[in-house]
Amino acid sequence: MSENVVEKQVRLSTHHADRLSRLAKAKALSEDQIIEKALDILFNLTDLLDRQAEQEGWSFLSEGALQRVWNNEEDARYDYWKELYGVSAR
């Protein structure tokens, strides 16, 4: 399966250009292949962090609701369930 290819021009510092060239030679890949692999890693990491941030957002939003459900006078009696149900400590 062939992907469409778009040519982009980027500007790199001399340091990064040298490192890219050395890495490509060391891995026997073209500089384009190195950049493509680096972008895949960057995009996958970004997706992962976005999912993590979304999950943390939902956790943050649900925390208040859970506090209202679990942190109230009626529920407080269950905080001491071992004593309530006669469970002895080991």
Protein backbone atom coordinates (compact mmCIF):
# COMPACT_ATOMS: atom_id res chain seq x y z
CA MET A 1 0.00 0.00 0.00
CA SER A 2 1.50 3.30 -1.06
CA GLU A 3 0.92 6.52 0.86
CA ASN A 4 0.69 9.94 -0.68
CA VAL A 5 3.87 11.89 -0.15
CA VAL A 6 4.08 15.62 0.42
CA GLU A 7 7.35 17.48 0.26
CA LYS A 8 8.01 19.89 3.14
CA GLN A 9 10.93 22.18 3.70
CA VAL A 10 12.14 22.51 7.30
CA ARG A 11 14.85 24.55 8.92
CA LEU A 12 17.20 22.83 11.34
CA SER A 13 20.05 24.13 13.41
CA THR A 14 23.47 23.00 12.26
CA HIS A 15 23.68 20.84 15.36
CA HIS A 16 20.40 19.05 14.60
CA ALA A 17 21.26 18.69 10.91
CA ASP A 18 24.59 17.07 11.83
CA ARG A 19 22.96 14.73 14.32
CA LEU A 20 20.29 13.77 11.78
CA SER A 21 22.94 12.99 9.19
CA ARG A 22 25.03 10.92 11.64
CA LEU A 23 21.98 9.00 12.86
CA ALA A 24 20.83 8.25 9.31
CA LYS A 25 24.28 6.92 8.42
CA ALA A 26 24.53 4.88 11.61
CA LYS A 27 21.12 3.28 11.04
CA ALA A 28 21.58 2.92 7.26
CA LEU A 29 18.40 4.90 6.67
CA SER A 30 17.67 8.05 4.74
CA GLU A 31 17.23 11.28 6.64
CA ASP A 32 13.61 11.28 5.46
CA GLN A 33 13.09 7.86 7.06
CA ILE A 34 14.61 9.08 10.33
CA ILE A 35 12.37 12.14 10.35
CA GLU A 36 9.30 10.04 9.54
CA LYS A 37 10.09 7.65 12.41
CA ALA A 38 10.69 10.58 14.76
CA LEU A 39 7.35 12.11 13.77
CA ASP A 40 5.58 8.78 14.33
CA ILE A 41 7.04 8.66 17.84
CA LEU A 42 6.08 12.29 18.50
CA PHE A 43 2.51 11.82 17.23
CA ASN A 44 2.02 8.59 19.20
CA LEU A 45 3.32 10.25 22.35
CA THR A 46 1.05 13.24 21.78
CA ASP A 47 -1.96 10.93 21.33
CA LEU A 48 -1.04 9.06 24.51
CA LEU A 49 -0.65 12.27 26.52
CA ASP A 50 -3.92 13.65 25.11
CA ARG A 51 -5.76 10.47 26.21
CA GLN A 52 -4.12 10.67 29.61
CA ALA A 53 -5.11 14.34 29.98
CA GLU A 54 -8.66 13.47 28.96
CA GLN A 55 -8.82 10.66 31.53
CA GLU A 56 -7.42 12.96 34.21
CA GLY A 57 -10.04 15.54 33.25
CA TRP A 58 -12.84 13.03 33.68
CA SER A 59 -11.37 11.90 37.00
CA PHE A 60 -11.21 15.51 38.15
CA LEU A 61 -14.80 16.14 37.10
CA SER A 62 -16.09 12.99 38.79
CA GLU A 63 -14.20 13.57 42.03
CA GLY A 64 -16.65 16.16 43.31
CA ALA A 65 -19.66 13.95 42.60
CA LEU A 66 -18.04 10.99 44.32
CA GLN A 67 -17.18 13.14 47.34
CA ARG A 68 -20.84 14.13 47.65
CA VAL A 69 -21.95 10.49 47.43
CA TRP A 70 -19.33 8.98 49.70
CA ASN A 71 -18.46 11.79 52.09
CA ASN A 72 -21.68 12.42 53.96
CA GLU A 73 -23.15 11.70 57.39
CA GLU A 74 -25.28 8.78 56.24
CA ASP A 75 -22.30 7.10 54.61
CA ALA A 76 -19.97 7.84 57.54
CA ARG A 77 -21.25 4.84 59.51
CA TYR A 78 -19.74 2.55 56.86
CA ASP A 79 -16.29 4.08 57.34
CA TYR A 80 -16.00 1.80 60.36
CA TRP A 81 -17.38 -1.32 58.67
CA LYS A 82 -15.06 -3.66 60.54
CA GLU A 83 -16.49 -2.59 63.87
CA LEU A 84 -20.02 -2.48 62.46
CA TYR A 85 -19.82 -6.07 61.20
CA GLY A 86 -17.60 -7.42 63.99
CA VAL A 87 -14.53 -8.14 61.82
CA SER A 88 -11.46 -8.63 63.98
CA ALA A 89 -8.02 -7.33 63.08
CA ARG A 90 -5.38 -9.94 62.22
